[in-house]
Amino acid sequence: MPIEKSKLNPNRPPIHSFEKKDSNFKMAWNREFREMLREHPGIIKMVIELTKKAEDEYAPDDIKFGFVTARYNKETEKWGIVAWDNKPYNKPQPLVYGRGTLLKAGNPVVDEQAGLEVILLGKSNRELKLSEGPFTRVDKTNYFKMNLKGQTFFVKKTLIGTNPGFTEFRDTVSAKKALTGLDFVKVIEPKLGFQDKNQSWYVSEWQELESAGFASYDQMMVGGINDYGNYVYKLYSEENISKYEEAEKRIEKIEAALEQVGIYTGDLDPNLFYNLTTDTFILLDIGKDEEGIGKPVRIL
């Protein structure tokens, strides 16, 4: 259960951060999450062990992706096409779609004594050539859902990436403050951001998205299949023109508020989830760099 507000140490600030001089070590957390860790000695070590076990055992089932059947390759950690319209290929073909990353949960890894459950939701293993400039965006990130005695969290573990945990925590806090006056958008609550020269971790509250009727706004502009292999309803259509126009006005307000605190909004649509029924947004994966490219956690 979440810690009662009355039990939180009033002498500790609600948000705390630490950066080690002459080092890449950076960490930030909110007070409630830190108190929870104190109540579960050894839990960080256990999380690291269980995430490693979940990674080693990750062998998700095939995904039906429209007419395509995709299969995960454990050696390359990438998805490939093994059948089209139920007709098998003699040799799997590379999956060229968006990020080239599909999200298919593996089996839960559990420590019953500690009350900890870890589920690997998916792996991102990609290189993105940007349309301008000499940049290549390399991403090696694993996404987890964790439950600790009734509290559920989203966790990102990154070995190579452009938006490390400490940076994302800091920018998410800034975004929450900037968007406080807009009741139609919610920013996912950050819990912990950590990075050093080898890896990055970002922990936030767990938020139901697709199952609660939310979809990536970017995906809703074109419709089609999302990273889960599910169909996404197309928003930009004649029957939804009024919904689309209202959504666009609200996005302009979100962008204006974020720009006031220096949050880059060029990559906003893929990270802004919209609910057609409630006309509300949820924002996640916030980046602040003006070029949309941050410093990698690690370069191989």
C-alpha atoms as a PDB file:
ATOM      1  CA  MET A   1       0.000   0.000   0.000  1.00  0.00           C
ATOM      2  CA  PRO A   2       1.185   3.598  -0.626  1.00  0.00           C
ATOM      3  CA  ILE A   3       2.764   5.292   2.370  1.00  0.00           C
ATOM      4  CA  GLU A   4       0.411   7.578   4.264  1.00  0.00           C
ATOM      5  CA  LYS A   5       1.281  11.261   3.867  1.00  0.00           C
ATOM      6  CA  SER A   6       1.315  11.669   7.670  1.00  0.00           C
ATOM      7  CA  LYS A   7       4.104   9.104   7.933  1.00  0.00           C
ATOM      8  CA  LEU A   8       6.417  10.879   5.514  1.00  0.00           C
ATOM      9  CA  ASN A   9       9.408  12.641   7.050  1.00  0.00           C
ATOM     10  CA  PRO A  10       8.440  16.344   7.001  1.00  0.00           C
ATOM     11  CA  ASN A  11      12.096  17.348   7.149  1.00  0.00           C
ATOM     12  CA  ARG A  12      12.837  15.887   3.743  1.00  0.00           C
ATOM     13  CA  PRO A  13      11.956  17.908   0.613  1.00  0.00           C
ATOM     14  CA  PRO A  14       9.307  16.393  -1.717  1.00  0.00           C
ATOM     15  CA  ILE A  15      11.885  16.176  -4.515  1.00  0.00           C
ATOM     16  CA  HIS A  16      15.579  15.533  -4.002  1.00  0.00           C
ATOM     17  CA  SER A  17      18.461  15.195  -6.455  1.00  0.00           C
ATOM     18  CA  PHE A  18      22.145  14.437  -6.206  1.00  0.00           C
ATOM     19  CA  GLU A  19      24.984  14.793  -8.717  1.00  0.00           C
ATOM     20  CA  LYS A  20      28.498  13.610  -7.977  1.00  0.00           C
ATOM     21  CA  LYS A  21      31.110  16.128  -9.089  1.00  0.00           C
ATOM     22  CA  ASP A  22      33.474  15.054 -11.883  1.00  0.00           C
ATOM     23  CA  SER A  23      31.320  11.985 -12.482  1.00  0.00           C
ATOM     24  CA  ASN A  24      28.378  10.829 -14.595  1.00  0.00           C
ATOM     25  CA  PHE A  25      26.543   9.700 -11.443  1.00  0.00           C
ATOM     26  CA  LYS A  26      23.206  11.488 -11.094  1.00  0.00           C
ATOM     27  CA  MET A  27      20.115  10.542  -9.137  1.00  0.00           C
ATOM     28  CA  ALA A  28      16.760  12.126  -8.308  1.00  0.00           C
ATOM     29  CA  TRP A  29      13.723  10.824  -6.437  1.00  0.00           C
ATOM     30  CA  ASN A  30      10.545  11.901  -4.759  1.00  0.00           C
ATOM     31  CA  ARG A  31      10.130  11.611  -1.004  1.00  0.00           C
ATOM     32  CA  GLU A  32       7.316   9.039  -0.995  1.00  0.00           C
ATOM     33  CA  PHE A  33       9.283   6.643  -3.198  1.00  0.00           C
ATOM     34  CA  ARG A  34      12.430   7.039  -1.083  1.00  0.00           C
ATOM     35  CA  GLU A  35      10.484   6.248   2.093  1.00  0.00           C
ATOM     36  CA  MET A  36       9.057   3.151   0.416  1.00  0.00           C
ATOM     37  CA  LEU A  37      12.577   1.935  -0.377  1.00  0.00           C
ATOM     38  CA  ARG A  38      13.563   2.479   3.255  1.00  0.00           C
ATOM     39  CA  GLU A  39      10.693   0.260   4.337  1.00  0.00           C
ATOM     40  CA  HIS A  40      11.989  -2.572   2.106  1.00  0.00           C
ATOM     41  CA  PRO A  41      15.712  -3.062   2.825  1.00  0.00           C
ATOM     42  CA  GLY A  42      17.536  -4.840   0.006  1.00  0.00           C
ATOM     43  CA  ILE A  43      14.747  -4.241  -2.493  1.00  0.00           C
ATOM     44  CA  ILE A  44      16.991  -2.448  -5.018  1.00  0.00           C
ATOM     45  CA  LYS A  45      19.348  -5.427  -5.218  1.00  0.00           C
ATOM     46  CA  MET A  46      16.365  -7.728  -5.621  1.00  0.00           C
ATOM     47  CA  VAL A  47      14.905  -5.581  -8.418  1.00  0.00           C
ATOM     48  CA  ILE A  48      18.215  -5.725 -10.295  1.00  0.00           C
ATOM     49  CA  GLU A  49      18.348  -9.519  -9.908  1.00  0.00           C
ATOM     50  CA  LEU A  50      14.753 -10.067 -11.015  1.00  0.00           C
ATOM     51  CA  THR A  51      15.042  -7.742 -14.025  1.00  0.00           C
ATOM     52  CA  LYS A  52      18.129  -9.659 -15.133  1.00  0.00           C
ATOM     53  CA  LYS A  53      16.247 -12.950 -14.761  1.00  0.00           C
ATOM     54  CA  ALA A  54      13.287 -11.548 -16.713  1.00  0.00           C
ATOM     55  CA  GLU A  55      15.661 -10.468 -19.503  1.00  0.00           C
ATOM     56  CA  ASP A  56      17.394 -13.861 -19.635  1.00  0.00           C
ATOM     57  CA  GLU A  57      14.077 -15.729 -19.778  1.00  0.00           C
ATOM     58  CA  TYR A  58      12.314 -13.383 -22.206  1.00  0.00           C
ATOM     59  CA  ALA A  59      10.795 -15.474 -24.989  1.00  0.00           C
ATOM     60  CA  PRO A  60       7.467 -13.871 -25.985  1.00  0.00           C
ATOM     61  CA  ASP A  61       4.913 -15.536 -28.226  1.00  0.00           C
ATOM     62  CA  ASP A  62       4.433 -14.455 -31.848  1.00  0.00           C
ATOM     63  CA  ILE A  63       2.455 -11.277 -32.512  1.00  0.00           C
ATOM     64  CA  LYS A  64      -0.237 -10.921 -35.164  1.00  0.00           C
ATOM     65  CA  PHE A  65       0.520  -7.575 -36.771  1.00  0.00           C
ATOM     66  CA  GLY A  66      -2.291  -6.947 -39.234  1.00  0.00           C
ATOM     67  CA  PHE A  67      -1.648  -9.438 -42.042  1.00  0.00           C
ATOM     68  CA  VAL A  68       1.832 -10.085 -40.640  1.00  0.00           C
ATOM     69  CA  THR A  69       2.998 -12.611 -38.057  1.00  0.00           C
ATOM     70  CA  ALA A  70       6.094 -11.372 -36.206  1.00  0.00           C
ATOM     71  CA  ARG A  71       8.466 -13.507 -34.130  1.00  0.00           C
ATOM     72  CA  TYR A  72      11.048 -12.447 -31.552  1.00  0.00           C
ATOM     73  CA  ASN A  73      14.675 -13.516 -32.123  1.00  0.00           C
ATOM     74  CA  LYS A  74      16.350 -14.050 -28.754  1.00  0.00           C
ATOM     75  CA  GLU A  75      19.875 -13.772 -30.202  1.00  0.00           C
ATOM     76  CA  THR A  76      19.415 -10.471 -32.058  1.00  0.00           C
ATOM     77  CA  GLU A  77      16.746  -9.183 -29.623  1.00  0.00           C
ATOM     78  CA  LYS A  78      14.718  -8.019 -32.602  1.00  0.00           C
ATOM     79  CA  TRP A  79      11.425  -8.955 -34.234  1.00  0.00           C
ATOM     80  CA  GLY A  80      11.155 -10.419 -37.715  1.00  0.00           C
ATOM     81  CA  ILE A  81       8.306 -11.328 -40.085  1.00  0.00           C
ATOM     82  CA  VAL A  82       7.752 -15.072 -40.341  1.00  0.00           C
ATOM     83  CA  ALA A  83       4.418 -15.143 -42.201  1.00  0.00           C
ATOM     84  CA  TRP A  84       2.207 -12.934 -44.361  1.00  0.00           C
ATOM     85  CA  ASP A  85      -1.535 -13.580 -44.427  1.00  0.00           C
ATOM     86  CA  ASN A  86      -0.821 -16.895 -42.650  1.00  0.00           C
ATOM     87  CA  LYS A  87       1.603 -17.982 -45.400  1.00  0.00           C
ATOM     88  CA  PRO A  88       4.987 -18.803 -43.778  1.00  0.00           C
ATOM     89  CA  TYR A  89       8.254 -17.382 -45.101  1.00  0.00           C
ATOM     90  CA  ASN A  90      11.124 -19.764 -45.707  1.00  0.00           C
ATOM     91  CA  LYS A  91      13.395 -17.213 -44.033  1.00  0.00           C
ATOM     92  CA  PRO A  92      12.296 -14.524 -41.523  1.00  0.00           C
ATOM     93  CA  GLN A  93      12.316 -10.995 -42.941  1.00  0.00           C
ATOM     94  CA  PRO A  94      13.325  -7.850 -41.022  1.00  0.00           C
ATOM     95  CA  LEU A  95      10.436  -5.968 -39.461  1.00  0.00           C
ATOM     96  CA  VAL A  96      10.531  -2.425 -40.823  1.00  0.00           C
ATOM     97  CA  TYR A  97       7.855  -0.529 -38.938  1.00  0.00           C
ATOM     98  CA  GLY A  98       8.162   2.633 -36.852  1.00  0.00           C
ATOM     99  CA  ARG A  99      10.663   1.865 -34.128  1.00  0.00           C
ATOM    100  CA  GLY A 100      10.929  -1.742 -35.248  1.00  0.00           C
ATOM    101  CA  THR A 101      10.024  -2.583 -31.665  1.00  0.00           C
ATOM    102  CA  LEU A 102       6.974  -4.550 -30.605  1.00  0.00           C
ATOM    103  CA  LEU A 103       5.767  -4.799 -27.032  1.00  0.00           C
ATOM    104  CA  LYS A 104       4.811  -8.284 -25.914  1.00  0.00           C
ATOM    105  CA  ALA A 105       4.979  -9.113 -22.215  1.00  0.00           C
ATOM    106  CA  GLY A 106       7.070 -12.029 -21.031  1.00  0.00           C
ATOM    107  CA  ASN A 107       6.235 -14.290 -18.095  1.00  0.00           C
ATOM    108  CA  PRO A 108       6.204 -12.728 -14.606  1.00  0.00           C
ATOM    109  CA  VAL A 109       9.270 -13.231 -12.422  1.00  0.00           C
ATOM    110  CA  VAL A 110       8.283 -13.284  -8.749  1.00  0.00           C
ATOM    111  CA  ASP A 111       9.875 -13.221  -5.322  1.00  0.00           C
ATOM    112  CA  GLU A 112       6.920 -14.193  -3.132  1.00  0.00           C
ATOM    113  CA  GLN A 113       8.678 -13.500   0.157  1.00  0.00           C
ATOM    114  CA  ALA A 114       9.427  -9.900  -0.809  1.00  0.00           C
ATOM    115  CA  GLY A 115       6.102  -9.456  -2.589  1.00  0.00           C
ATOM    116  CA  LEU A 116       7.864  -8.329  -5.764  1.00  0.00           C
ATOM    117  CA  GLU A 117       6.728  -9.140  -9.302  1.00  0.00           C
ATOM    118  CA  VAL A 118       8.647  -8.105 -12.440  1.00  0.00           C
ATOM    119  CA  ILE A 119       7.293  -8.362 -15.991  1.00  0.00           C
ATOM    120  CA  LEU A 120       9.421  -7.488 -19.023  1.00  0.00           C
ATOM    121  CA  LEU A 121       7.055  -5.679 -21.396  1.00  0.00           C
ATOM    122  CA  GLY A 122       9.420  -5.404 -24.333  1.00  0.00           C
ATOM    123  CA  LYS A 123      12.872  -4.518 -25.613  1.00  0.00           C
ATOM    124  CA  SER A 124      13.956  -1.658 -27.835  1.00  0.00           C
ATOM    125  CA  ASN A 125      17.043  -2.373 -29.896  1.00  0.00           C
ATOM    126  CA  ARG A 126      17.228   0.114 -32.743  1.00  0.00           C
ATOM    127  CA  GLU A 127      19.197   2.639 -34.721  1.00  0.00           C
ATOM    128  CA  LEU A 128      17.378   5.645 -36.174  1.00  0.00           C
ATOM    129  CA  LYS A 129      18.977   7.754 -38.882  1.00  0.00           C
ATOM    130  CA  LEU A 130      17.730  11.306 -38.524  1.00  0.00           C
ATOM    131  CA  SER A 131      16.648  13.177 -41.635  1.00  0.00           C
ATOM    132  CA  GLU A 132      19.068  16.023 -40.939  1.00  0.00           C
ATOM    133  CA  GLY A 133      22.476  16.132 -39.337  1.00  0.00           C
ATOM    134  CA  PRO A 134      25.121  13.454 -38.721  1.00  0.00           C
ATOM    135  CA  PHE A 135      23.205  11.881 -35.825  1.00  0.00           C
ATOM    136  CA  THR A 136      22.217   8.274 -35.353  1.00  0.00           C
ATOM    137  CA  ARG A 137      19.855   7.611 -32.494  1.00  0.00           C
ATOM    138  CA  VAL A 138      20.811   4.340 -30.863  1.00  0.00           C
ATOM    139  CA  ASP A 139      18.441   2.885 -28.325  1.00  0.00           C
ATOM    140  CA  LYS A 140      18.916  -0.191 -26.157  1.00  0.00           C
ATOM    141  CA  THR A 141      16.162  -0.036 -23.554  1.00  0.00           C
ATOM    142  CA  ASN A 142      14.087  -2.607 -21.700  1.00  0.00           C
ATOM    143  CA  TYR A 143      10.620  -1.753 -20.382  1.00  0.00           C
ATOM    144  CA  PHE A 144       9.199  -3.338 -17.233  1.00  0.00           C
ATOM    145  CA  LYS A 145       6.057  -3.403 -15.143  1.00  0.00           C
ATOM    146  CA  MET A 146       6.791  -3.950 -11.451  1.00  0.00           C
ATOM    147  CA  ASN A 147       4.495  -4.599  -8.518  1.00  0.00           C
ATOM    148  CA  LEU A 148       5.710  -4.329  -4.934  1.00  0.00           C
ATOM    149  CA  LYS A 149       3.059  -5.350  -2.419  1.00  0.00           C
ATOM    150  CA  GLY A 150       0.225  -3.650  -4.283  1.00  0.00           C
ATOM    151  CA  GLN A 151       2.163  -0.656  -5.655  1.00  0.00           C
ATOM    152  CA  THR A 152       2.712  -0.782  -9.407  1.00  0.00           C
ATOM    153  CA  PHE A 153       5.442   1.028 -11.339  1.00  0.00           C
ATOM    154  CA  PHE A 154       6.705   1.486 -14.883  1.00  0.00           C
ATOM    155  CA  VAL A 155      10.476   1.020 -15.160  1.00  0.00           C
ATOM    156  CA  LYS A 156      12.876   1.805 -17.995  1.00  0.00           C
ATOM    157  CA  LYS A 157      16.361   0.297 -17.928  1.00  0.00           C
ATOM    158  CA  THR A 158      18.625   1.802 -20.572  1.00  0.00           C
ATOM    159  CA  LEU A 159      22.134   0.750 -21.580  1.00  0.00           C
ATOM    160  CA  ILE A 160      22.300   3.004 -24.629  1.00  0.00           C
ATOM    161  CA  GLY A 161      19.930   5.890 -25.115  1.00  0.00           C
ATOM    162  CA  THR A 162      19.412   9.602 -25.574  1.00  0.00           C
ATOM    163  CA  ASN A 163      17.053  10.424 -22.707  1.00  0.00           C
ATOM    164  CA  PRO A 164      18.635   9.030 -19.516  1.00  0.00           C
ATOM    165  CA  GLY A 165      16.734   8.582 -16.272  1.00  0.00           C
ATOM    166  CA  PHE A 166      17.951  11.580 -14.291  1.00  0.00           C
ATOM    167  CA  THR A 167      17.255  13.907 -17.213  1.00  0.00           C
ATOM    168  CA  GLU A 168      13.793  12.475 -17.758  1.00  0.00           C
ATOM    169  CA  PHE A 169      12.950  12.806 -14.057  1.00  0.00           C
ATOM    170  CA  ARG A 170      14.083  16.449 -13.995  1.00  0.00           C
ATOM    171  CA  ASP A 171      12.192  17.373 -17.150  1.00  0.00           C
ATOM    172  CA  THR A 172       9.052  15.539 -16.048  1.00  0.00           C
ATOM    173  CA  VAL A 173       9.001  17.532 -12.809  1.00  0.00           C
ATOM    174  CA  SER A 174       9.323  20.741 -14.845  1.00  0.00           C
ATOM    175  CA  ALA A 175       6.539  19.651 -17.191  1.00  0.00           C
ATOM    176  CA  LYS A 176       4.178  18.802 -14.317  1.00  0.00           C
ATOM    177  CA  LYS A 177       4.622  22.283 -12.890  1.00  0.00           C
ATOM    178  CA  ALA A 178       4.177  23.923 -16.293  1.00  0.00           C
ATOM    179  CA  LEU A 179       0.957  22.021 -17.052  1.00  0.00           C
ATOM    180  CA  THR A 180      -0.656  22.365 -13.617  1.00  0.00           C
ATOM    181  CA  GLY A 181      -3.318  24.765 -14.904  1.00  0.00           C
ATOM    182  CA  LEU A 182      -4.452  22.516 -17.759  1.00  0.00           C
ATOM    183  CA  ASP A 183      -7.003  20.041 -16.431  1.00  0.00           C
ATOM    184  CA  PHE A 184      -7.178  18.061 -19.683  1.00  0.00           C
ATOM    185  CA  VAL A 185      -3.612  16.738 -19.506  1.00  0.00           C
ATOM    186  CA  LYS A 186      -1.907  14.529 -16.935  1.00  0.00           C
ATOM    187  CA  VAL A 187       1.839  14.035 -16.657  1.00  0.00           C
ATOM    188  CA  ILE A 188       2.920  10.622 -15.410  1.00  0.00           C
ATOM    189  CA  GLU A 189       4.270  10.955 -11.851  1.00  0.00           C
ATOM    190  CA  PRO A 190       8.061  10.402 -11.739  1.00  0.00           C
ATOM    191  CA  LYS A 191       9.448   8.356  -8.866  1.00  0.00           C
ATOM    192  CA  LEU A 192      13.166   7.857  -9.520  1.00  0.00           C
ATOM    193  CA  GLY A 193      15.766   8.867 -12.090  1.00  0.00           C
ATOM    194  CA  PHE A 194      19.288   7.431 -12.061  1.00  0.00           C
ATOM    195  CA  GLN A 195      22.202   7.368 -14.449  1.00  0.00           C
ATOM    196  CA  ASP A 196      25.933   6.769 -14.512  1.00  0.00           C
ATOM    197  CA  LYS A 197      28.404   6.074 -17.319  1.00  0.00           C
ATOM    198  CA  ASN A 198      27.078   2.532 -17.843  1.00  0.00           C
ATOM    199  CA  GLN A 199      23.321   2.559 -17.438  1.00  0.00           C
ATOM    200  CA  SER A 200      20.172   4.511 -16.710  1.00  0.00           C
ATOM    201  CA  TRP A 201      17.011   3.745 -14.749  1.00  0.00           C
ATOM    202  CA  TYR A 202      13.741   5.651 -14.754  1.00  0.00           C
ATOM    203  CA  VAL A 203      10.794   4.751 -12.515  1.00  0.00           C
ATOM    204  CA  SER A 204       7.334   6.299 -12.708  1.00  0.00           C
ATOM    205  CA  GLU A 205       3.844   5.502 -11.519  1.00  0.00           C
ATOM    206  CA  TRP A 206       2.057   2.823 -13.541  1.00  0.00           C
ATOM    207  CA  GLN A 207      -0.659   4.261 -15.744  1.00  0.00           C
ATOM    208  CA  GLU A 208      -3.103   2.214 -17.780  1.00  0.00           C
ATOM    209  CA  LEU A 209      -3.094   3.589 -21.315  1.00  0.00           C
ATOM    210  CA  GLU A 210      -4.391   1.361 -24.106  1.00  0.00           C
ATOM    211  CA  SER A 211      -6.731  -0.601 -21.823  1.00  0.00           C
ATOM    212  CA  ALA A 212      -8.160   2.711 -20.524  1.00  0.00           C
ATOM    213  CA  GLY A 213      -8.890   3.992 -24.030  1.00  0.00           C
ATOM    214  CA  PHE A 214      -5.714   6.023 -24.647  1.00  0.00           C
ATOM    215  CA  ALA A 215      -3.599   5.818 -27.803  1.00  0.00           C
ATOM    216  CA  SER A 216      -0.579   7.694 -29.090  1.00  0.00           C
ATOM    217  CA  TYR A 217      -1.809  10.902 -30.719  1.00  0.00           C
ATOM    218  CA  ASP A 218       0.747  10.444 -33.481  1.00  0.00           C
ATOM    219  CA  GLN A 219      -0.659   6.989 -34.211  1.00  0.00           C
ATOM    220  CA  MET A 220      -4.233   8.288 -34.129  1.00  0.00           C
ATOM    221  CA  MET A 221      -3.477  10.694 -36.961  1.00  0.00           C
ATOM    222  CA  VAL A 222      -2.946   7.803 -39.357  1.00  0.00           C
ATOM    223  CA  GLY A 223      -4.646   4.864 -37.642  1.00  0.00           C
ATOM    224  CA  GLY A 224      -3.337   1.341 -38.181  1.00  0.00           C
ATOM    225  CA  ILE A 225      -1.446  -1.034 -35.919  1.00  0.00           C
ATOM    226  CA  ASN A 226       0.442   0.041 -32.784  1.00  0.00           C
ATOM    227  CA  ASP A 227       3.459  -1.484 -31.018  1.00  0.00           C
ATOM    228  CA  TYR A 228       1.237  -4.052 -29.321  1.00  0.00           C
ATOM    229  CA  GLY A 229      -0.101  -5.319 -32.626  1.00  0.00           C
ATOM    230  CA  ASN A 230      -3.502  -3.755 -31.917  1.00  0.00           C
ATOM    231  CA  TYR A 231      -5.578  -1.589 -34.236  1.00  0.00           C
ATOM    232  CA  VAL A 232      -5.680   2.133 -33.406  1.00  0.00           C
ATOM    233  CA  TYR A 233      -8.759   4.143 -34.374  1.00  0.00           C
ATOM    234  CA  LYS A 234      -8.040   6.971 -36.810  1.00  0.00           C
ATOM    235  CA  LEU A 235      -8.931  10.347 -35.296  1.00  0.00           C
ATOM    236  CA  TYR A 236      -8.295  12.535 -38.322  1.00  0.00           C
ATOM    237  CA  SER A 237     -11.422  11.699 -40.306  1.00  0.00           C
ATOM    238  CA  GLU A 238     -14.522  13.536 -41.490  1.00  0.00           C
ATOM    239  CA  GLU A 239     -16.723  12.059 -38.759  1.00  0.00           C
ATOM    240  CA  ASN A 240     -14.283  13.203 -36.045  1.00  0.00           C
ATOM    241  CA  ILE A 241     -13.312  16.595 -37.439  1.00  0.00           C
ATOM    242  CA  SER A 242     -14.678  18.512 -34.423  1.00  0.00           C
ATOM    243  CA  LYS A 243     -12.824  16.207 -32.010  1.00  0.00           C
ATOM    244  CA  TYR A 244      -9.651  16.652 -34.014  1.00  0.00           C
ATOM    245  CA  GLU A 245      -9.926  20.447 -34.074  1.00  0.00           C
ATOM    246  CA  GLU A 246     -10.504  20.615 -30.310  1.00  0.00           C
ATOM    247  CA  ALA A 247      -7.606  18.231 -29.671  1.00  0.00           C
ATOM    248  CA  GLU A 248      -5.305  20.385 -31.813  1.00  0.00           C
ATOM    249  CA  LYS A 249      -6.253  23.515 -29.828  1.00  0.00           C
ATOM    250  CA  ARG A 250      -5.458  21.746 -26.595  1.00  0.00           C
ATOM    251  CA  ILE A 251      -2.125  20.513 -27.923  1.00  0.00           C
ATOM    252  CA  GLU A 252      -1.196  24.098 -28.803  1.00  0.00           C
ATOM    253  CA  LYS A 253      -1.827  25.054 -25.172  1.00  0.00           C
ATOM    254  CA  ILE A 254       0.282  22.119 -23.969  1.00  0.00           C
ATOM    255  CA  GLU A 255       3.140  23.089 -26.298  1.00  0.00           C
ATOM    256  CA  ALA A 256       3.007  26.731 -25.231  1.00  0.00           C
ATOM    257  CA  ALA A 257       3.150  25.796 -21.548  1.00  0.00           C
ATOM    258  CA  LEU A 258       6.062  23.384 -22.049  1.00  0.00           C
ATOM    259  CA  GLU A 259       8.022  25.872 -24.127  1.00  0.00           C
ATOM    260  CA  GLN A 260       7.818  28.332 -21.219  1.00  0.00           C
ATOM    261  CA  VAL A 261      10.052  25.986 -19.205  1.00  0.00           C
ATOM    262  CA  GLY A 262      12.302  25.037 -22.116  1.00  0.00           C
ATOM    263  CA  ILE A 263      10.753  21.652 -22.918  1.00  0.00           C
ATOM    264  CA  TYR A 264      11.322  20.695 -26.553  1.00  0.00           C
ATOM    265  CA  THR A 265       7.994  19.807 -28.222  1.00  0.00           C
ATOM    266  CA  GLY A 266       9.062  18.623 -31.682  1.00  0.00           C
ATOM    267  CA  ASP A 267       8.678  14.981 -30.601  1.00  0.00           C
ATOM    268  CA  LEU A 268       5.502  15.578 -28.610  1.00  0.00           C
ATOM    269  CA  ASP A 269       2.817  13.689 -30.575  1.00  0.00           C
ATOM    270  CA  PRO A 270       4.276  10.148 -30.197  1.00  0.00           C
ATOM    271  CA  ASN A 271       4.591  10.675 -26.423  1.00  0.00           C
ATOM    272  CA  LEU A 272       1.204  12.313 -25.938  1.00  0.00           C
ATOM    273  CA  PHE A 273      -1.609   9.799 -25.452  1.00  0.00           C
ATOM    274  CA  TYR A 274      -5.181  10.860 -26.181  1.00  0.00           C
ATOM    275  CA  ASN A 275      -8.549   9.491 -25.089  1.00  0.00           C
ATOM    276  CA  LEU A 276     -11.246  10.094 -27.675  1.00  0.00           C
ATOM    277  CA  THR A 277     -14.082   9.558 -25.179  1.00  0.00           C
ATOM    278  CA  THR A 278     -12.866  11.846 -22.380  1.00  0.00           C
ATOM    279  CA  ASP A 279     -10.963  14.376 -24.522  1.00  0.00           C
ATOM    280  CA  THR A 280      -7.985  14.087 -22.176  1.00  0.00           C
ATOM    281  CA  PHE A 281      -4.242  13.576 -22.641  1.00  0.00           C
ATOM    282  CA  ILE A 282      -1.490  11.720 -20.792  1.00  0.00           C
ATOM    283  CA  LEU A 283       2.123  12.804 -21.357  1.00  0.00           C
ATOM    284  CA  LEU A 284       5.142  10.537 -20.905  1.00  0.00           C
ATOM    285  CA  ASP A 285       8.773  10.212 -22.085  1.00  0.00           C
ATOM    286  CA  ILE A 286       9.548  13.902 -21.852  1.00  0.00           C
ATOM    287  CA  GLY A 287      12.680  15.320 -23.486  1.00  0.00           C
ATOM    288  CA  LYS A 288      14.120  18.813 -23.112  1.00  0.00           C
ATOM    289  CA  ASP A 289      16.995  18.951 -25.584  1.00  0.00           C
ATOM    290  CA  GLU A 290      16.463  21.569 -28.291  1.00  0.00           C
ATOM    291  CA  GLU A 291      17.590  19.218 -31.030  1.00  0.00           C
ATOM    292  CA  GLY A 292      15.568  16.307 -29.716  1.00  0.00           C
ATOM    293  CA  ILE A 293      18.830  14.408 -29.138  1.00  0.00           C
ATOM    294  CA  GLY A 294      20.373  14.152 -25.707  1.00  0.00           C
ATOM    295  CA  LYS A 295      23.744  12.790 -24.611  1.00  0.00           C
ATOM    296  CA  PRO A 296      23.846   8.994 -24.833  1.00  0.00           C
ATOM    297  CA  VAL A 297      24.183   7.062 -21.626  1.00  0.00           C
ATOM    298  CA  ARG A 298      26.821   4.962 -23.333  1.00  0.00           C
ATOM    299  CA  ILE A 299      28.279   4.703 -26.842  1.00  0.00           C
ATOM    300  CA  LEU A 300      29.533   1.345 -28.121  1.00  0.00           C
END
